[in-house]
Protein backbone atom coordinates (compact mmCIF):
# COMPACT_ATOMS: atom_id res chain seq x y z
CA MET A 1 0.10 0.03 0.01
CA SER A 2 2.83 2.73 0.67
CA SER A 3 3.82 2.39 -2.88
CA LEU A 4 0.94 2.67 -4.06
CA ARG A 5 0.76 6.08 -1.74
CA THR A 6 3.96 7.19 -3.04
CA ALA A 7 2.89 6.41 -6.70
CA PHE A 8 -0.58 8.32 -5.87
CA SER A 9 1.61 11.69 -5.34
CA SER A 10 1.23 14.09 -8.54
CA SER A 11 5.15 13.98 -9.11
CA ASN A 12 5.22 9.75 -9.26
CA THR A 13 2.60 9.84 -12.16
CA SER A 14 4.84 7.34 -14.28
CA ALA A 15 5.88 5.20 -11.04
CA ALA A 16 1.63 4.46 -10.64
CA TYR A 17 1.39 3.74 -14.53
CA ARG A 18 4.02 0.76 -13.64
CA ILE A 19 1.84 -0.40 -10.88
CA LEU A 20 -1.25 -0.21 -12.84
CA THR A 21 0.51 -1.48 -15.88
CA ALA A 22 1.69 -4.91 -13.84
CA ARG A 23 -1.55 -5.05 -12.33
CA ARG A 24 -3.44 -5.28 -15.41
CA THR A 25 -0.92 -8.34 -16.37
CA LEU A 26 -2.25 -10.26 -13.96
CA HIS A 27 -5.42 -10.50 -16.04
CA THR A 28 -5.92 -13.60 -17.47
CA SER A 29 -10.11 -13.68 -17.35
CA SER A 30 -12.21 -13.03 -20.33
CA LEU A 31 -15.07 -12.89 -20.61
CA SER A 32 -17.14 -14.42 -23.89
CA SER A 33 -19.81 -12.59 -25.71
CA SER A 34 -21.58 -16.39 -25.53
CA THR A 35 -22.56 -16.13 -21.95
CA LEU A 36 -25.05 -13.11 -23.60
CA SER A 37 -28.17 -14.67 -23.30
CA ALA A 38 -31.43 -11.77 -23.89
CA PHE A 39 -33.38 -11.36 -20.68
CA SER A 40 -31.33 -13.57 -19.09
CA THR A 41 -30.49 -13.55 -15.47
CA PHE A 42 -26.82 -13.72 -14.70
CA THR A 43 -27.55 -16.60 -12.24
CA ARG A 44 -24.04 -17.51 -10.26
CA LYS A 45 -23.69 -18.52 -6.55
CA THR A 46 -25.06 -15.09 -4.09
CA LYS A 47 -21.65 -12.49 -3.03
CA PRO A 48 -20.09 -12.67 0.15
CA SER A 49 -21.46 -10.38 2.66
CA LEU A 50 -18.81 -7.61 3.36
CA SER A 51 -18.63 -6.06 6.95
CA LEU A 52 -18.16 -1.83 6.71
CA GLY A 53 -17.64 -0.41 10.02
CA ASN A 54 -21.26 -1.36 11.97
CA SER A 55 -22.80 -2.16 8.46
CA LEU A 56 -23.36 -5.27 6.46
CA VAL A 57 -22.29 -4.34 2.22
CA THR A 58 -24.12 -7.11 0.49
CA SER A 59 -25.07 -7.77 -3.57
CA SER A 60 -27.96 -10.07 -4.71
CA ARG A 61 -26.61 -11.16 -7.99
CA SER A 62 -29.87 -11.82 -9.48
CA ALA A 63 -31.19 -8.33 -9.57
CA HIS A 64 -29.65 -4.98 -9.67
CA ARG A 65 -31.89 -3.31 -7.53
CA ILE A 66 -30.97 -1.60 -3.89
CA THR A 67 -32.83 -0.64 -0.70
CA PRO A 68 -31.89 1.21 2.63
CA SER A 69 -32.44 -1.47 5.93
CA SER A 70 -33.77 0.32 8.93
CA ASN A 71 -31.80 -2.37 10.62
CA LEU A 72 -28.51 -1.46 10.04
CA SER A 73 -26.65 1.86 10.54
CA LEU A 74 -26.01 2.19 6.86
CA HIS A 75 -27.25 0.30 4.56
CA GLN A 76 -27.92 -3.68 3.65
CA PHE A 77 -28.99 -3.94 0.10
CA SER A 78 -31.83 -6.28 -1.71
CA THR A 79 -34.18 -6.23 -4.17
CA THR A 80 -37.11 -3.66 -3.63
CA ALA A 81 -40.39 -2.72 -4.93
CA HIS A 82 -40.37 0.29 -5.34
CA SER A 83 -37.39 1.22 -7.65
CA THR A 84 -38.66 1.82 -11.57
CA MET A 85 -34.91 1.02 -12.55
CA ARG A 86 -33.44 -2.28 -14.57
CA VAL A 87 -29.17 -2.33 -15.46
CA ILE A 88 -28.72 -4.79 -17.70
CA PRO A 89 -25.62 -5.50 -17.85
CA VAL A 90 -24.48 -6.42 -21.42
CA PRO A 91 -20.65 -8.29 -22.22
CA ALA A 92 -19.41 -7.16 -25.65
CA LEU A 93 -16.36 -7.96 -27.10
CA GLU A 94 -14.10 -9.90 -25.10
CA ASP A 95 -14.35 -8.11 -22.39
CA ASN A 96 -15.99 -5.18 -22.55
CA TYR A 97 -19.92 -4.09 -20.50
CA SER A 98 -22.28 -2.18 -22.50
CA TYR A 99 -25.61 -1.14 -20.23
CA ILE A 100 -28.71 -0.92 -20.94
CA ILE A 101 -30.82 1.54 -18.01
CA LEU A 102 -34.55 0.81 -18.45
CA ASP A 103 -37.58 2.87 -16.55
CA GLU A 104 -40.07 0.35 -16.05
CA LYS A 105 -42.20 3.13 -15.18
CA THR A 106 -42.06 4.90 -19.00
CA SER A 107 -40.39 2.35 -20.89
CA GLU A 108 -37.90 4.27 -21.93
CA ALA A 109 -34.45 3.82 -21.82
CA ALA A 110 -30.53 4.46 -22.41
CA VAL A 111 -27.43 2.71 -23.08
CA VAL A 112 -23.88 2.64 -22.12
CA ASP A 113 -21.23 2.60 -23.98
CA PRO A 114 -23.01 0.93 -26.96
CA VAL A 115 -19.78 -0.63 -28.97
CA GLN A 116 -22.16 -3.71 -30.61
CA PRO A 117 -25.50 -2.15 -30.73
CA GLN A 118 -27.49 -5.07 -32.38
CA LYS A 119 -27.42 -6.97 -28.98
CA LEU A 120 -28.46 -3.97 -27.23
CA MET A 121 -31.19 -3.65 -29.92
CA HIS A 122 -32.42 -7.28 -29.72
CA ILE A 123 -33.15 -7.35 -26.11
CA LEU A 124 -34.39 -3.80 -26.48
CA GLN A 125 -37.06 -4.86 -28.41
CA HIS A 126 -37.69 -7.89 -26.67
CA LEU A 127 -38.34 -5.24 -23.20
CA GLY A 128 -40.74 -3.66 -25.58
CA ALA A 129 -38.69 -0.56 -24.09
CA LYS A 130 -37.86 2.85 -26.26
CA LEU A 131 -34.36 3.94 -26.47
CA THR A 132 -33.96 7.47 -26.08
CA SER A 133 -30.09 8.12 -25.07
CA VAL A 134 -26.64 7.09 -25.35
CA LEU A 135 -24.40 7.89 -21.95
CA CYS A 136 -20.85 7.38 -23.04
CA THR A 137 -18.51 7.09 -20.66
CA HIS A 138 -15.08 7.99 -23.52
CA HIS A 139 -14.33 7.92 -26.90
CA HIS A 140 -12.24 5.07 -26.98
CA TRP A 141 -13.54 2.42 -29.77
CA ASP A 142 -14.27 -0.37 -27.09
CA HIS A 143 -17.02 2.13 -26.12
CA ALA A 144 -18.47 4.86 -28.48
CA GLY A 145 -17.33 2.46 -31.59
CA GLY A 146 -21.00 1.02 -32.03
CA ASN A 147 -22.60 4.44 -31.87
CA VAL A 148 -22.38 5.25 -36.18
CA GLU A 149 -24.26 2.04 -36.20
CA LEU A 150 -26.78 2.44 -33.83
CA ILE A 151 -27.17 6.27 -34.77
CA ALA A 152 -28.19 4.83 -38.29
CA LYS A 153 -30.39 2.26 -37.08
CA LYS A 154 -31.91 4.55 -35.15
CA PRO A 155 -31.92 8.74 -35.74
CA GLY A 156 -32.85 11.22 -33.37
CA LEU A 157 -31.21 9.33 -30.33
CA ALA A 158 -29.66 12.28 -27.80
CA VAL A 159 -26.26 10.96 -27.55
CA PHE A 160 -24.35 12.07 -24.21
CA GLY A 161 -21.12 12.66 -23.72
CA ALA A 162 -17.87 14.90 -23.07
CA ASP A 163 -15.70 15.05 -25.60
CA ALA A 164 -15.45 16.16 -29.23
CA ARG A 165 -14.10 12.87 -30.00
CA ILE A 166 -17.25 10.72 -29.27
CA PRO A 167 -18.51 9.41 -32.81
CA GLU A 168 -22.52 11.30 -32.92
CA ILE A 169 -22.18 12.87 -30.30
CA ASN A 170 -24.86 15.12 -29.80
CA TYR A 171 -24.82 17.09 -26.43
CA VAL A 172 -21.71 17.91 -24.33
CA VAL A 173 -22.67 17.16 -20.50
CA LYS A 174 -21.08 19.83 -18.10
CA ASP A 175 -19.60 18.28 -14.89
CA LYS A 176 -22.74 17.55 -12.42
CA GLU A 177 -24.84 18.95 -14.83
CA GLU A 178 -27.94 16.30 -14.67
CA PHE A 179 -30.99 15.01 -17.09
CA LYS A 180 -33.65 12.62 -17.48
CA VAL A 181 -34.30 9.34 -18.92
CA GLY A 182 -37.89 9.10 -18.45
CA SER A 183 -38.51 9.47 -14.10
CA LEU A 184 -34.83 8.81 -13.74
CA THR A 185 -32.57 10.74 -13.08
CA VAL A 186 -29.22 11.17 -14.66
CA GLN A 187 -25.98 13.47 -13.31
CA ALA A 188 -22.94 13.24 -15.06
CA LEU A 189 -19.26 13.45 -13.38
CA TRP A 190 -15.96 13.88 -14.72
CA THR A 191 -13.59 11.74 -13.90
CA HIS A 192 -11.20 12.93 -15.74
CA CYS A 193 -7.78 10.60 -16.27
CA HIS A 194 -8.40 7.27 -18.62
CA THR A 195 -8.83 10.35 -20.95
CA LYS A 196 -9.57 13.86 -20.99
CA GLY A 197 -13.05 13.58 -21.31
CA SER A 198 -13.54 10.63 -19.25
CA VAL A 199 -17.35 10.77 -17.65
CA SER A 200 -19.15 9.03 -15.23
CA TYR A 201 -22.83 8.80 -14.88
CA TYR A 202 -24.82 8.51 -11.58
CA VAL A 203 -28.15 7.71 -12.06
CA LYS A 204 -30.64 8.01 -8.94
CA ASP A 205 -34.25 6.64 -8.50
CA GLY A 206 -35.15 7.72 -5.29
CA ALA A 207 -33.29 5.45 -2.93
CA ASP A 208 -32.11 3.44 -5.76
CA ARG A 209 -28.20 4.47 -6.66
CA ALA A 210 -26.15 3.49 -9.93
CA VAL A 211 -22.73 4.72 -11.01
CA PHE A 212 -21.56 4.17 -14.58
CA THR A 213 -17.50 4.17 -14.27
CA GLY A 214 -16.16 3.07 -17.86
CA ASP A 215 -12.63 2.71 -17.79
CA THR A 216 -11.95 5.00 -14.53
CA LEU A 217 -13.28 3.13 -11.18
CA PHE A 218 -13.20 -1.38 -12.13
CA LEU A 219 -14.22 -3.48 -9.38
CA SER A 220 -11.50 -3.21 -7.10
CA GLY A 221 -9.21 -1.39 -9.66
CA CYS A 222 -9.05 1.19 -11.69
CA GLY A 223 -8.19 2.41 -15.27
CA ARG A 224 -5.11 3.93 -17.01
CA PHE A 225 -3.90 7.44 -17.34
CA PHE A 226 -3.72 7.38 -21.04
CA GLU A 227 -4.29 11.18 -20.86
CA GLY A 228 -4.15 12.22 -17.18
CA THR A 229 -2.26 12.45 -13.98
CA ALA A 230 -2.23 10.69 -11.21
CA ALA A 231 -3.42 13.04 -9.44
CA ASP A 232 -5.99 13.67 -11.65
CA MET A 233 -6.91 9.79 -11.27
CA TYR A 234 -6.64 9.94 -7.09
CA ASN A 235 -9.50 13.43 -8.18
CA SER A 236 -11.83 11.06 -9.28
CA LEU A 237 -11.66 8.17 -7.34
CA LEU A 238 -11.36 9.60 -3.81
CA HIS A 239 -12.43 12.95 -3.88
CA ILE A 240 -16.16 12.09 -6.71
CA LEU A 241 -16.71 8.52 -6.53
CA ALA A 242 -15.75 7.41 -3.16
CA THR A 243 -17.76 10.43 -2.26
CA LEU A 244 -21.21 8.45 -3.80
CA PRO A 245 -23.70 6.77 -1.07
CA VAL A 246 -22.20 3.52 -0.37
CA GLU A 247 -25.16 1.41 -1.46
CA THR A 248 -24.55 3.16 -5.18
CA LYS A 249 -23.91 0.14 -7.31
CA VAL A 250 -20.85 0.26 -9.52
CA TYR A 251 -20.91 -0.89 -12.95
CA CYS A 252 -17.97 -0.77 -14.75
CA GLY A 253 -16.39 -0.86 -18.30
CA HIS A 254 -14.96 -4.04 -18.51
CA GLU A 255 -14.49 -8.17 -16.86
CA TYR A 256 -11.30 -7.53 -14.88
CA THR A 257 -13.12 -8.12 -10.93
CA LYS A 258 -10.70 -11.36 -10.76
CA ALA A 259 -7.31 -9.83 -11.75
CA ASN A 260 -7.36 -6.73 -10.01
CA LEU A 261 -8.58 -8.70 -6.93
CA LYS A 262 -5.19 -10.82 -6.80
CA PHE A 263 -3.57 -7.55 -6.96
CA ALA A 264 -5.43 -6.12 -4.06
CA GLN A 265 -4.66 -9.35 -2.09
CA HIS A 266 -1.01 -8.23 -2.97
CA VAL A 267 -1.15 -5.26 -2.08
CA GLU A 268 -2.91 -5.83 1.16
CA PRO A 269 -2.08 -9.33 2.17
CA GLU A 270 -4.28 -9.17 5.50
CA ASN A 271 -7.16 -7.75 4.25
CA PRO A 272 -10.09 -9.82 5.19
CA HIS A 273 -12.10 -8.84 2.42
CA VAL A 274 -9.84 -8.97 -0.63
CA ALA A 275 -9.76 -12.40 0.18
CA GLN A 276 -13.59 -13.43 0.97
CA LYS A 277 -14.26 -11.66 -2.31
CA LEU A 278 -11.21 -13.36 -4.56
CA GLN A 279 -12.64 -16.64 -2.80
CA TRP A 280 -16.19 -16.13 -4.63
CA CYS A 281 -14.59 -14.85 -7.62
CA MET A 282 -13.23 -17.85 -8.27
CA ASP A 283 -15.38 -19.71 -8.48
CA GLU A 284 -15.99 -21.07 -12.37
CA SER A 285 -19.85 -20.29 -12.31
CA VAL A 286 -18.71 -16.69 -11.53
CA THR A 287 -18.70 -15.36 -15.28
CA VAL A 288 -20.20 -11.10 -14.46
CA THR A 289 -18.91 -9.85 -11.78
CA VAL A 290 -20.91 -5.99 -11.66
CA PRO A 291 -22.39 -4.49 -10.18
CA GLY A 292 -20.10 -4.15 -7.15
CA THR A 293 -20.70 -1.45 -4.73
CA ILE A 294 -18.99 1.70 -3.36
CA GLY A 295 -19.05 0.38 0.34
CA GLU A 296 -17.32 -2.96 -1.29
CA GLU A 297 -14.54 -0.67 -3.22
CA LEU A 298 -14.20 0.92 -0.20
CA LEU A 299 -13.25 -2.54 1.44
CA CYS A 300 -11.22 -3.92 -1.58
CA ASN A 301 -10.12 -1.65 -3.76
CA PRO A 302 -6.34 -0.47 -2.93
CA PHE A 303 -6.89 2.65 -4.87
CA LEU A 304 -10.01 3.95 -3.10
CA ARG A 305 -7.69 2.58 0.22
CA VAL A 306 -5.04 5.27 -0.18
CA LYS A 307 -4.94 8.08 2.31
């Protein structure tokens, strides 16, 4: 952890980048697109509960909703009948994630980083949802590379982002700007470093919260510093994303969790939360690890535990 703390100082960007590169070489898992089945609920063994102070951090792997629990000081996560937000992770390419965000109250939907739009269109059609918005976390081809095809199939969509290099962008979001997808409130958070225009999207539906972090925050890891500095990443992680409510679901841009946890265990070999989550992640039946939560990341992610 001391090496991370040192590397995250503004004068040690190259050192931090070397640490991230070394971490990334541990990545051996991949997620085949053949695992996608439209409307499949991703069934897998229940994720372990993680203790956060006087709270319990849990996540149902068969549902992507959250609700506060009255008998805990912070929150316990489970399904709720009061939320109208539904999130569908869609594996893409080798290890990417796109997402469908559906407001079940209005049947209006947004897609996040639609690199393979045909997969998304098939699911949306089956849902009977009306696609109105595209949320782009950054301009890289494996996230925004499907925009042209999607707009050709569905003209008139609002394409949100914060970088002119995003294909078909027609709405440039300001930091902390809010807009609607149906009845859901979406807030754009500038989380620069991976690229100069990286944005995370914080979606709220009453007590239900989710954040789509692209290649800034991964589960138990973070993205490379292609266009920013270690200070930029520190700000994006510690001063922006880590300040979201602990119950906020985290939907990241790649399936790197197993490799990230191996690195986290190397950094903090005595961290019981990392060991517990890694044990769960190593099960062969676990192929999709999203969503995590901000609370889990505060326990397991070495880049959010740097002080």
